[in-house]
Amino acid sequence: MDEQVPKPITKGLRQRGVDVLTVQEDSRTGTPDSILLDRATGLGRVMFSQDDDFLAEANRRLAEGINFAGVIYTHQQNVSIGDCVRDLELIAKASDPEDCANLVQYLPL
């Protein structure tokens, strides 16, 4: 989870048995997006963000053919917290991280 993601999304996913790691828990608060995406890739974790700059970094990597773990993105105004939790749970339980590699997925589904 990128650092600006609302805590109820993280909490809702954990209540549904989804393994979630936040930027804050990984002691990476304030870290540039490119480094966060490198970190997620190294950990084999898909990154969820609501930050347009993070989306731009993922799209840059796509355009330049740079491998990354995958990004799920939604604008904060495009999806409710409940819908976000539902869609993220579906993605987490229906796919493996390697299925999401080098992809940008948008919510709502």
PDB file of N, CA and C in Angstrom:
ATOM      1  N   MET A   1       0.833  -1.179   0.000  1.00  0.00           N
ATOM      2  CA  MET A   1       0.000   0.000   0.000  1.00  0.00           C
ATOM      3  C   MET A   1       0.876   1.240   0.000  1.00  0.00           C
ATOM      4  N   ASP A   2       0.603   2.123  -0.938  1.00  0.00           N
ATOM      5  CA  ASP A   2       1.277   3.411  -0.957  1.00  0.00           C
ATOM      6  C   ASP A   2       0.868   4.181   0.303  1.00  0.00           C
ATOM      7  N   GLU A   3       1.646   5.193   0.659  1.00  0.00           N
ATOM      8  CA  GLU A   3       1.443   5.819   1.965  1.00  0.00           C
ATOM      9  C   GLU A   3       0.165   6.618   2.109  1.00  0.00           C
ATOM     10  N   GLN A   4      -0.445   7.092   1.029  1.00  0.00           N
ATOM     11  CA  GLN A   4      -1.650   7.907   1.149  1.00  0.00           C
ATOM     12  C   GLN A   4      -2.935   7.081   1.157  1.00  0.00           C
ATOM     13  N   VAL A   5      -2.846   5.761   1.003  1.00  0.00           N
ATOM     14  CA  VAL A   5      -4.036   4.908   0.968  1.00  0.00           C
ATOM     15  C   VAL A   5      -4.721   4.948   2.334  1.00  0.00           C
ATOM     16  N   PRO A   6      -6.035   5.201   2.356  1.00  0.00           N
ATOM     17  CA  PRO A   6      -6.753   5.261   3.634  1.00  0.00           C
ATOM     18  C   PRO A   6      -6.631   3.958   4.436  1.00  0.00           C
ATOM     19  N   LYS A   7      -6.449   4.101   5.732  1.00  0.00           N
ATOM     20  CA  LYS A   7      -6.289   2.939   6.610  1.00  0.00           C
ATOM     21  C   LYS A   7      -7.468   1.971   6.559  1.00  0.00           C
ATOM     22  N   PRO A   8      -8.719   2.440   6.375  1.00  0.00           N
ATOM     23  CA  PRO A   8      -9.823   1.471   6.303  1.00  0.00           C
ATOM     24  C   PRO A   8      -9.695   0.483   5.140  1.00  0.00           C
ATOM     25  N   ILE A   9      -9.005   0.854   4.072  1.00  0.00           N
ATOM     26  CA  ILE A   9      -8.793  -0.086   2.968  1.00  0.00           C
ATOM     27  C   ILE A   9      -7.859  -1.203   3.423  1.00  0.00           C
ATOM     28  N   THR A  10      -6.767  -0.828   4.049  1.00  0.00           N
ATOM     29  CA  THR A  10      -5.826  -1.824   4.568  1.00  0.00           C
ATOM     30  C   THR A  10      -6.502  -2.725   5.594  1.00  0.00           C
ATOM     31  N   LYS A  11      -7.227  -2.120   6.507  1.00  0.00           N
ATOM     32  CA  LYS A  11      -7.911  -2.886   7.561  1.00  0.00           C
ATOM     33  C   LYS A  11      -8.939  -3.842   6.955  1.00  0.00           C
ATOM     34  N   GLY A  12      -9.713  -3.365   5.991  1.00  0.00           N
ATOM     35  CA  GLY A  12     -10.723  -4.203   5.362  1.00  0.00           C
ATOM     36  C   GLY A  12     -10.116  -5.400   4.650  1.00  0.00           C
ATOM     37  N   LEU A  13      -9.003  -5.183   3.975  1.00  0.00           N
ATOM     38  CA  LEU A  13      -8.336  -6.292   3.290  1.00  0.00           C
ATOM     39  C   LEU A  13      -7.799  -7.312   4.288  1.00  0.00           C
ATOM     40  N   ARG A  14      -7.207  -6.827   5.344  1.00  0.00           N
ATOM     41  CA  ARG A  14      -6.669  -7.754   6.358  1.00  0.00           C
ATOM     42  C   ARG A  14      -7.777  -8.571   7.006  1.00  0.00           C
ATOM     43  N   GLN A  15      -8.932  -7.954   7.228  1.00  0.00           N
ATOM     44  CA  GLN A  15     -10.064  -8.683   7.797  1.00  0.00           C
ATOM     45  C   GLN A  15     -10.542  -9.792   6.861  1.00  0.00           C
ATOM     46  N   ARG A  16     -10.226  -9.669   5.593  1.00  0.00           N
ATOM     47  CA  ARG A  16     -10.609 -10.668   4.589  1.00  0.00           C
ATOM     48  C   ARG A  16      -9.463 -11.620   4.261  1.00  0.00           C
ATOM     49  N   GLY A  17      -8.404 -11.561   5.053  1.00  0.00           N
ATOM     50  CA  GLY A  17      -7.301 -12.503   4.909  1.00  0.00           C
ATOM     51  C   GLY A  17      -6.293 -12.166   3.821  1.00  0.00           C
ATOM     52  N   VAL A  18      -6.270 -10.907   3.376  1.00  0.00           N
ATOM     53  CA  VAL A  18      -5.317 -10.502   2.346  1.00  0.00           C
ATOM     54  C   VAL A  18      -4.049  -9.992   3.026  1.00  0.00           C
ATOM     55  N   ASP A  19      -2.911 -10.480   2.587  1.00  0.00           N
ATOM     56  CA  ASP A  19      -1.607 -10.072   3.117  1.00  0.00           C
ATOM     57  C   ASP A  19      -1.261  -8.690   2.559  1.00  0.00           C
ATOM     58  N   VAL A  20      -1.189  -7.711   3.437  1.00  0.00           N
ATOM     59  CA  VAL A  20      -0.944  -6.328   3.040  1.00  0.00           C
ATOM     60  C   VAL A  20       0.259  -5.789   3.796  1.00  0.00           C
ATOM     61  N   LEU A  21       1.128  -5.067   3.086  1.00  0.00           N
ATOM     62  CA  LEU A  21       2.249  -4.368   3.692  1.00  0.00           C
ATOM     63  C   LEU A  21       2.146  -2.901   3.287  1.00  0.00           C
ATOM     64  N   THR A  22       2.131  -2.012   4.260  1.00  0.00           N
ATOM     65  CA  THR A  22       2.054  -0.587   3.955  1.00  0.00           C
ATOM     66  C   THR A  22       3.455   0.010   3.882  1.00  0.00           C
ATOM     67  N   VAL A  23       3.555   1.118   3.184  1.00  0.00           N
ATOM     68  CA  VAL A  23       4.821   1.851   3.113  1.00  0.00           C
ATOM     69  C   VAL A  23       5.284   2.213   4.526  1.00  0.00           C
ATOM     70  N   GLN A  24       4.363   2.602   5.373  1.00  0.00           N
ATOM     71  CA  GLN A  24       4.706   2.985   6.742  1.00  0.00           C
ATOM     72  C   GLN A  24       5.284   1.802   7.517  1.00  0.00           C
ATOM     73  N   GLU A  25       4.675   0.624   7.385  1.00  0.00           N
ATOM     74  CA  GLU A  25       5.155  -0.564   8.093  1.00  0.00           C
ATOM     75  C   GLU A  25       6.524  -1.009   7.587  1.00  0.00           C
ATOM     76  N   ASP A  26       6.821  -0.682   6.353  1.00  0.00           N
ATOM     77  CA  ASP A  26       8.102  -1.040   5.746  1.00  0.00           C
ATOM     78  C   ASP A  26       9.147   0.056   5.959  1.00  0.00           C
ATOM     79  N   SER A  27       8.822   1.015   6.808  1.00  0.00           N
ATOM     80  CA  SER A  27       9.722   2.136   7.133  1.00  0.00           C
ATOM     81  C   SER A  27      10.194   2.878   5.885  1.00  0.00           C
ATOM     82  N   ARG A  28       9.248   3.138   4.966  1.00  0.00           N
ATOM     83  CA  ARG A  28       9.573   3.811   3.715  1.00  0.00           C
ATOM     84  C   ARG A  28       8.766   5.089   3.509  1.00  0.00           C
ATOM     85  N   THR A  29       8.180   5.629   4.558  1.00  0.00           N
ATOM     86  CA  THR A  29       7.417   6.866   4.445  1.00  0.00           C
ATOM     87  C   THR A  29       8.287   7.961   3.847  1.00  0.00           C
ATOM     88  N   GLY A  30       7.746   8.671   2.855  1.00  0.00           N
ATOM     89  CA  GLY A  30       8.481   9.755   2.221  1.00  0.00           C
ATOM     90  C   GLY A  30       9.457   9.316   1.142  1.00  0.00           C
ATOM     91  N   THR A  31       9.500   8.024   0.862  1.00  0.00           N
ATOM     92  CA  THR A  31      10.419   7.487  -0.145  1.00  0.00           C
ATOM     93  C   THR A  31       9.883   7.802  -1.542  1.00  0.00           C
ATOM     94  N   PRO A  32      10.748   8.176  -2.482  1.00  0.00           N
ATOM     95  CA  PRO A  32      10.298   8.451  -3.851  1.00  0.00           C
ATOM     96  C   PRO A  32       9.609   7.232  -4.484  1.00  0.00           C
ATOM     97  N   ASP A  33       8.647   7.515  -5.358  1.00  0.00           N
ATOM     98  CA  ASP A  33       7.857   6.458  -5.982  1.00  0.00           C
ATOM     99  C   ASP A  33       8.709   5.428  -6.714  1.00  0.00           C
ATOM    100  N   SER A  34       9.736   5.869  -7.409  1.00  0.00           N
ATOM    101  CA  SER A  34      10.574   4.922  -8.156  1.00  0.00           C
ATOM    102  C   SER A  34      11.234   3.914  -7.221  1.00  0.00           C
ATOM    103  N   ILE A  35      11.653   4.373  -6.057  1.00  0.00           N
ATOM    104  CA  ILE A  35      12.284   3.464  -5.087  1.00  0.00           C
ATOM    105  C   ILE A  35      11.243   2.541  -4.460  1.00  0.00           C
ATOM    106  N   LEU A  36      10.047   3.074  -4.194  1.00  0.00           N
ATOM    107  CA  LEU A  36       8.977   2.227  -3.659  1.00  0.00           C
ATOM    108  C   LEU A  36       8.617   1.117  -4.638  1.00  0.00           C
ATOM    109  N   LEU A  37       8.555   1.456  -5.922  1.00  0.00           N
ATOM    110  CA  LEU A  37       8.216   0.440  -6.908  1.00  0.00           C
ATOM    111  C   LEU A  37       9.338  -0.583  -7.048  1.00  0.00           C
ATOM    112  N   ASP A  38      10.582  -0.141  -6.934  1.00  0.00           N
ATOM    113  CA  ASP A  38      11.704  -1.086  -6.912  1.00  0.00           C
ATOM    114  C   ASP A  38      11.602  -2.008  -5.707  1.00  0.00           C
ATOM    115  N   ARG A  39      11.267  -1.448  -4.559  1.00  0.00           N
ATOM    116  CA  ARG A  39      11.136  -2.235  -3.333  1.00  0.00           C
ATOM    117  C   ARG A  39      10.022  -3.273  -3.474  1.00  0.00           C
ATOM    118  N   ALA A  40       8.866  -2.852  -3.969  1.00  0.00           N
ATOM    119  CA  ALA A  40       7.749  -3.782  -4.163  1.00  0.00           C
ATOM    120  C   ALA A  40       8.151  -4.902  -5.123  1.00  0.00           C
ATOM    121  N   THR A  41       8.860  -4.549  -6.175  1.00  0.00           N
ATOM    122  CA  THR A  41       9.310  -5.541  -7.144  1.00  0.00           C
ATOM    123  C   THR A  41      10.256  -6.540  -6.479  1.00  0.00           C
ATOM    124  N   GLY A  42      11.180  -6.030  -5.679  1.00  0.00           N
ATOM    125  CA  GLY A  42      12.114  -6.900  -4.970  1.00  0.00           C
ATOM    126  C   GLY A  42      11.422  -7.845  -4.000  1.00  0.00           C
ATOM    127  N   LEU A  43      10.331  -7.387  -3.418  1.00  0.00           N
ATOM    128  CA  LEU A  43       9.566  -8.214  -2.476  1.00  0.00           C
ATOM    129  C   LEU A  43       8.546  -9.114  -3.183  1.00  0.00           C
ATOM    130  N   GLY A  44       8.374  -8.913  -4.484  1.00  0.00           N
ATOM    131  CA  GLY A  44       7.376  -9.677  -5.220  1.00  0.00           C
ATOM    132  C   GLY A  44       5.957  -9.289  -4.867  1.00  0.00           C
ATOM    133  N   ARG A  45       5.751  -7.994  -4.575  1.00  0.00           N
ATOM    134  CA  ARG A  45       4.439  -7.501  -4.166  1.00  0.00           C
ATOM    135  C   ARG A  45       3.902  -6.486  -5.169  1.00  0.00           C
ATOM    136  N   VAL A  46       2.631  -6.577  -5.430  1.00  0.00           N
ATOM    137  CA  VAL A  46       1.950  -5.603  -6.267  1.00  0.00           C
ATOM    138  C   VAL A  46       1.697  -4.362  -5.424  1.00  0.00           C
ATOM    139  N   MET A  47       1.833  -3.205  -6.031  1.00  0.00           N
ATOM    140  CA  MET A  47       1.653  -1.936  -5.315  1.00  0.00           C
ATOM    141  C   MET A  47       0.278  -1.357  -5.622  1.00  0.00           C
ATOM    142  N   PHE A  48      -0.443  -0.920  -4.587  1.00  0.00           N
ATOM    143  CA  PHE A  48      -1.706  -0.208  -4.767  1.00  0.00           C
ATOM    144  C   PHE A  48      -1.474   1.246  -4.427  1.00  0.00           C
ATOM    145  N   SER A  49      -1.939   2.131  -5.312  1.00  0.00           N
ATOM    146  CA  SER A  49      -1.758   3.563  -5.091  1.00  0.00           C
ATOM    147  C   SER A  49      -2.959   4.335  -5.613  1.00  0.00           C
ATOM    148  N   GLN A  50      -3.161   5.484  -5.009  1.00  0.00           N
ATOM    149  CA  GLN A  50      -4.156   6.445  -5.476  1.00  0.00           C
ATOM    150  C   GLN A  50      -3.463   7.750  -5.861  1.00  0.00           C
ATOM    151  N   ASP A  51      -2.181   7.675  -6.106  1.00  0.00           N
ATOM    152  CA  ASP A  51      -1.334   8.826  -6.399  1.00  0.00           C
ATOM    153  C   ASP A  51      -1.034   8.889  -7.895  1.00  0.00           C
ATOM    154  N   ASP A  52      -1.403   9.998  -8.524  1.00  0.00           N
ATOM    155  CA  ASP A  52      -1.165  10.159  -9.962  1.00  0.00           C
ATOM    156  C   ASP A  52       0.312  10.066 -10.322  1.00  0.00           C
ATOM    157  N   ASP A  53       1.192  10.549  -9.453  1.00  0.00           N
ATOM    158  CA  ASP A  53       2.630  10.478  -9.722  1.00  0.00           C
ATOM    159  C   ASP A  53       3.109   9.026  -9.739  1.00  0.00           C
ATOM    160  N   PHE A  54       2.540   8.203  -8.876  1.00  0.00           N
ATOM    161  CA  PHE A  54       2.908   6.786  -8.858  1.00  0.00           C
ATOM    162  C   PHE A  54       2.457   6.112 -10.153  1.00  0.00           C
ATOM    163  N   LEU A  55       1.262   6.465 -10.599  1.00  0.00           N
ATOM    164  CA  LEU A  55       0.765   5.947 -11.871  1.00  0.00           C
ATOM    165  C   LEU A  55       1.685   6.358 -13.019  1.00  0.00           C
ATOM    166  N   ALA A  56       2.140   7.596 -12.985  1.00  0.00           N
ATOM    167  CA  ALA A  56       3.057   8.077 -14.022  1.00  0.00           C
ATOM    168  C   ALA A  56       4.354   7.266 -14.025  1.00  0.00           C
ATOM    169  N   GLU A  57       4.866   6.923 -12.855  1.00  0.00           N
ATOM    170  CA  GLU A  57       6.086   6.109 -12.764  1.00  0.00           C
ATOM    171  C   GLU A  57       5.858   4.726 -13.364  1.00  0.00           C
ATOM    172  N   ALA A  58       4.725   4.110 -13.063  1.00  0.00           N
ATOM    173  CA  ALA A  58       4.421   2.791 -13.621  1.00  0.00           C
ATOM    174  C   ALA A  58       4.287   2.872 -15.147  1.00  0.00           C
ATOM    175  N   ASN A  59       3.620   3.889 -15.635  1.00  0.00           N
ATOM    176  CA  ASN A  59       3.456   4.041 -17.080  1.00  0.00           C
ATOM    177  C   ASN A  59       4.777   4.338 -17.775  1.00  0.00           C
ATOM    178  N   ARG A  60       5.669   5.057 -17.114  1.00  0.00           N
ATOM    179  CA  ARG A  60       7.006   5.298 -17.666  1.00  0.00           C
ATOM    180  C   ARG A  60       7.743   3.973 -17.827  1.00  0.00           C
ATOM    181  N   ARG A  61       7.658   3.133 -16.815  1.00  0.00           N
ATOM    182  CA  ARG A  61       8.325   1.829 -16.883  1.00  0.00           C
ATOM    183  C   ARG A  61       7.737   0.956 -17.987  1.00  0.00           C
ATOM    184  N   LEU A  62       6.431   1.015 -18.135  1.00  0.00           N
ATOM    185  CA  LEU A  62       5.812   0.274 -19.235  1.00  0.00           C
ATOM    186  C   LEU A  62       6.357   0.744 -20.576  1.00  0.00           C
ATOM    187  N   ALA A  63       6.396   2.045 -20.765  1.00  0.00           N
ATOM    188  CA  ALA A  63       6.850   2.617 -22.035  1.00  0.00           C
ATOM    189  C   ALA A  63       8.310   2.301 -22.323  1.00  0.00           C
ATOM    190  N   GLU A  64       9.118   2.231 -21.272  1.00  0.00           N
ATOM    191  CA  GLU A  64      10.551   2.003 -21.439  1.00  0.00           C
ATOM    192  C   GLU A  64      10.949   0.532 -21.315  1.00  0.00           C
ATOM    193  N   GLY A  65       9.964  -0.331 -21.065  1.00  0.00           N
ATOM    194  CA  GLY A  65      10.257  -1.763 -20.959  1.00  0.00           C
ATOM    195  C   GLY A  65      11.011  -2.144 -19.697  1.00  0.00           C
ATOM    196  N   ILE A  66      10.811  -1.388 -18.626  1.00  0.00           N
ATOM    197  CA  ILE A  66      11.467  -1.672 -17.350  1.00  0.00           C
ATOM    198  C   ILE A  66      10.531  -2.553 -16.520  1.00  0.00           C
ATOM    199  N   ASN A  67      10.996  -3.705 -16.083  1.00  0.00           N
ATOM    200  CA  ASN A  67      10.175  -4.624 -15.302  1.00  0.00           C
ATOM    201  C   ASN A  67       9.806  -4.043 -13.944  1.00  0.00           C
ATOM    202  N   PHE A  68       8.582  -4.337 -13.530  1.00  0.00           N
ATOM    203  CA  PHE A  68       8.115  -3.957 -12.191  1.00  0.00           C
ATOM    204  C   PHE A  68       7.043  -4.936 -11.749  1.00  0.00           C
ATOM    205  N   ALA A  69       6.768  -4.945 -10.458  1.00  0.00           N
ATOM    206  CA  ALA A  69       5.892  -5.958  -9.872  1.00  0.00           C
ATOM    207  C   ALA A  69       4.428  -5.801 -10.257  1.00  0.00           C
ATOM    208  N   GLY A  70       4.028  -4.658 -10.708  1.00  0.00           N
ATOM    209  CA  GLY A  70       2.627  -4.405 -11.038  1.00  0.00           C
ATOM    210  C   GLY A  70       2.060  -3.331 -10.129  1.00  0.00           C
ATOM    211  N   VAL A  71       1.117  -2.584 -10.675  1.00  0.00           N
ATOM    212  CA  VAL A  71       0.492  -1.490  -9.943  1.00  0.00           C
ATOM    213  C   VAL A  71      -1.012  -1.568 -10.137  1.00  0.00           C
ATOM    214  N   ILE A  72      -1.723  -1.383  -9.059  1.00  0.00           N
ATOM    215  CA  ILE A  72      -3.175  -1.227  -9.103  1.00  0.00           C
ATOM    216  C   ILE A  72      -3.440   0.219  -8.705  1.00  0.00           C
ATOM    217  N   TYR A  73      -4.230   0.901  -9.519  1.00  0.00           N
ATOM    218  CA  TYR A  73      -4.439   2.331  -9.315  1.00  0.00           C
ATOM    219  C   TYR A  73      -5.920   2.680  -9.382  1.00  0.00           C
ATOM    220  N   THR A  74      -6.307   3.620  -8.562  1.00  0.00           N
ATOM    221  CA  THR A  74      -7.600   4.276  -8.689  1.00  0.00           C
ATOM    222  C   THR A  74      -7.464   5.687  -8.158  1.00  0.00           C
ATOM    223  N   HIS A  75      -8.208   6.576  -8.761  1.00  0.00           N
ATOM    224  CA  HIS A  75      -8.283   7.938  -8.228  1.00  0.00           C
ATOM    225  C   HIS A  75      -9.193   7.883  -7.011  1.00  0.00           C
ATOM    226  N   GLN A  76      -8.891   8.661  -6.001  1.00  0.00           N
ATOM    227  CA  GLN A  76      -9.641   8.619  -4.744  1.00  0.00           C
ATOM    228  C   GLN A  76     -11.130   8.868  -4.945  1.00  0.00           C
ATOM    229  N   GLN A  77     -11.498   9.610  -5.954  1.00  0.00           N
ATOM    230  CA  GLN A  77     -12.906   9.941  -6.166  1.00  0.00           C
ATOM    231  C   GLN A  77     -13.633   8.932  -7.043  1.00  0.00           C
ATOM    232  N   ASN A  78     -12.919   7.947  -7.597  1.00  0.00           N
ATOM    233  CA  ASN A  78     -13.541   7.015  -8.536  1.00  0.00           C
ATOM    234  C   ASN A  78     -14.139   5.775  -7.888  1.00  0.00           C
ATOM    235  N   VAL A  79     -13.817   5.508  -6.643  1.00  0.00           N
ATOM    236  CA  VAL A  79     -14.271   4.269  -6.023  1.00  0.00           C
ATOM    237  C   VAL A  79     -14.431   4.469  -4.516  1.00  0.00           C
ATOM    238  N   SER A  80     -15.488   3.876  -3.955  1.00  0.00           N
ATOM    239  CA  SER A  80     -15.689   3.945  -2.509  1.00  0.00           C
ATOM    240  C   SER A  80     -14.688   3.022  -1.816  1.00  0.00           C
ATOM    241  N   ILE A  81     -14.523   3.218  -0.531  1.00  0.00           N
ATOM    242  CA  ILE A  81     -13.627   2.348   0.233  1.00  0.00           C
ATOM    243  C   ILE A  81     -14.102   0.899   0.157  1.00  0.00           C
ATOM    244  N   GLY A  82     -15.398   0.670   0.297  1.00  0.00           N
ATOM    245  CA  GLY A  82     -15.934  -0.691   0.233  1.00  0.00           C
ATOM    246  C   GLY A  82     -15.701  -1.345  -1.118  1.00  0.00           C
ATOM    247  N   ASP A  83     -15.933  -0.604  -2.186  1.00  0.00           N
ATOM    248  CA  ASP A  83     -15.704  -1.152  -3.524  1.00  0.00           C
ATOM    249  C   ASP A  83     -14.222  -1.408  -3.757  1.00  0.00           C
ATOM    250  N   CYS A  84     -13.388  -0.530  -3.244  1.00  0.00           N
ATOM    251  CA  CYS A  84     -11.947  -0.682  -3.372  1.00  0.00           C
ATOM    252  C   CYS A  84     -11.494  -1.970  -2.669  1.00  0.00           C
ATOM    253  N   VAL A  85     -11.968  -2.182  -1.454  1.00  0.00           N
ATOM    254  CA  VAL A  85     -11.620  -3.391  -0.705  1.00  0.00           C
ATOM    255  C   VAL A  85     -12.093  -4.626  -1.464  1.00  0.00           C
ATOM    256  N   ARG A  86     -13.315  -4.586  -1.964  1.00  0.00           N
ATOM    257  CA  ARG A  86     -13.862  -5.735  -2.693  1.00  0.00           C
ATOM    258  C   ARG A  86     -13.024  -6.059  -3.926  1.00  0.00           C
ATOM    259  N   ASP A  87     -12.707  -5.033  -4.719  1.00  0.00           N
ATOM    260  CA  ASP A  87     -11.935  -5.260  -5.940  1.00  0.00           C
ATOM    261  C   ASP A  87     -10.511  -5.716  -5.649  1.00  0.00           C
ATOM    262  N   LEU A  88      -9.876  -5.114  -4.652  1.00  0.00           N
ATOM    263  CA  LEU A  88      -8.511  -5.517  -4.299  1.00  0.00           C
ATOM    264  C   LEU A  88      -8.476  -6.944  -3.766  1.00  0.00           C
ATOM    265  N   GLU A  89      -9.486  -7.311  -2.975  1.00  0.00           N
ATOM    266  CA  GLU A  89      -9.561  -8.690  -2.480  1.00  0.00           C
ATOM    267  C   GLU A  89      -9.710  -9.660  -3.643  1.00  0.00           C
ATOM    268  N   LEU A  90     -10.546  -9.331  -4.591  1.00  0.00           N
ATOM    269  CA  LEU A  90     -10.745 -10.189  -5.753  1.00  0.00           C
ATOM    270  C   LEU A  90      -9.441 -10.375  -6.525  1.00  0.00           C
ATOM    271  N   ILE A  91      -8.729  -9.294  -6.766  1.00  0.00           N
ATOM    272  CA  ILE A  91      -7.450  -9.384  -7.472  1.00  0.00           C
ATOM    273  C   ILE A  91      -6.459 -10.228  -6.672  1.00  0.00           C
ATOM    274  N   ALA A  92      -6.375  -9.972  -5.373  1.00  0.00           N
ATOM    275  CA  ALA A  92      -5.406 -10.683  -4.528  1.00  0.00           C
ATOM    276  C   ALA A  92      -5.681 -12.181  -4.480  1.00  0.00           C
ATOM    277  N   LYS A  93      -6.945 -12.555  -4.438  1.00  0.00           N
ATOM    278  CA  LYS A  93      -7.281 -13.961  -4.283  1.00  0.00           C
ATOM    279  C   LYS A  93      -7.406 -14.709  -5.610  1.00  0.00           C
ATOM    280  N   ALA A  94      -7.557 -13.971  -6.706  1.00  0.00           N
ATOM    281  CA  ALA A  94      -7.747 -14.620  -8.002  1.00  0.00           C
ATOM    282  C   ALA A  94      -6.481 -14.639  -8.852  1.00  0.00           C
ATOM    283  N   SER A  95      -5.424 -14.003  -8.372  1.00  0.00           N
ATOM    284  CA  SER A  95      -4.201 -13.955  -9.178  1.00  0.00           C
ATOM    285  C   SER A  95      -2.981 -14.095  -8.281  1.00  0.00           C
ATOM    286  N   ASP A  96      -1.884 -14.455  -8.893  1.00  0.00           N
ATOM    287  CA  ASP A  96      -0.596 -14.493  -8.221  1.00  0.00           C
ATOM    288  C   ASP A  96       0.146 -13.212  -8.571  1.00  0.00           C
ATOM    289  N   PRO A  97       1.079 -12.770  -7.727  1.00  0.00           N
ATOM    290  CA  PRO A  97       1.816 -11.537  -8.039  1.00  0.00           C
ATOM    291  C   PRO A  97       2.466 -11.550  -9.417  1.00  0.00           C
ATOM    292  N   GLU A  98       2.968 -12.710  -9.835  1.00  0.00           N
ATOM    293  CA  GLU A  98       3.613 -12.746 -11.157  1.00  0.00           C
ATOM    294  C   GLU A  98       2.619 -12.518 -12.296  1.00  0.00           C
ATOM    295  N   ASP A  99       1.311 -12.776 -12.047  1.00  0.00           N
ATOM    296  CA  ASP A  99       0.289 -12.485 -13.054  1.00  0.00           C
ATOM    297  C   ASP A  99       0.129 -10.980 -13.274  1.00  0.00           C
ATOM    298  N   CYS A 100       0.510 -10.210 -12.280  1.00  0.00           N
ATOM    299  CA  CYS A 100       0.345  -8.756 -12.330  1.00  0.00           C
ATOM    300  C   CYS A 100       1.609  -8.027 -12.773  1.00  0.00           C
ATOM    301  N   ALA A 101       2.685  -8.764 -12.947  1.00  0.00           N
ATOM    302  CA  ALA A 101       3.968  -8.141 -13.304  1.00  0.00           C
ATOM    303  C   ALA A 101       3.840  -7.337 -14.589  1.00  0.00           C
ATOM    304  N   ASN A 102       4.421  -6.150 -14.558  1.00  0.00           N
ATOM    305  CA  ASN A 102       4.469  -5.258 -15.718  1.00  0.00           C
ATOM    306  C   ASN A 102       3.081  -4.855 -16.212  1.00  0.00           C
ATOM    307  N   LEU A 103       2.118  -4.802 -15.299  1.00  0.00           N
ATOM    308  CA  LEU A 103       0.763  -4.377 -15.625  1.00  0.00           C
ATOM    309  C   LEU A 103       0.340  -3.220 -14.733  1.00  0.00           C
ATOM    310  N   VAL A 104      -0.514  -2.374 -15.275  1.00  0.00           N
ATOM    311  CA  VAL A 104      -1.211  -1.377 -14.480  1.00  0.00           C
ATOM    312  C   VAL A 104      -2.686  -1.735 -14.577  1.00  0.00           C
ATOM    313  N   GLN A 105      -3.289  -2.008 -13.433  1.00  0.00           N
ATOM    314  CA  GLN A 105      -4.719  -2.323 -13.375  1.00  0.00           C
ATOM    315  C   GLN A 105      -5.424  -1.145 -12.739  1.00  0.00           C
ATOM    316  N   TYR A 106      -6.628  -0.861 -13.229  1.00  0.00           N
ATOM    317  CA  TYR A 106      -7.392   0.279 -12.730  1.00  0.00           C
ATOM    318  C   TYR A 106      -8.630  -0.202 -12.006  1.00  0.00           C
ATOM    319  N   LEU A 107      -8.936   0.470 -10.911  1.00  0.00           N
ATOM    320  CA  LEU A 107     -10.181   0.240 -10.183  1.00  0.00           C
ATOM    321  C   LEU A 107     -11.112   1.424 -10.451  1.00  0.00           C
ATOM    322  N   PRO A 108     -12.429   1.225 -10.441  1.00  0.00           N
ATOM    323  CA  PRO A 108     -13.095  -0.041 -10.162  1.00  0.00           C
ATOM    324  C   PRO A 108     -12.974  -1.016 -11.336  1.00  0.00           C
ATOM    325  N   LEU A 109     -13.094  -2.304 -10.986  1.00  0.00           N
ATOM    326  CA  LEU A 109     -13.018  -3.342 -12.017  1.00  0.00           C
ATOM    327  C   LEU A 109     -14.202  -3.246 -12.955  1.00  0.00           C
TER     328      LEU A 109
END
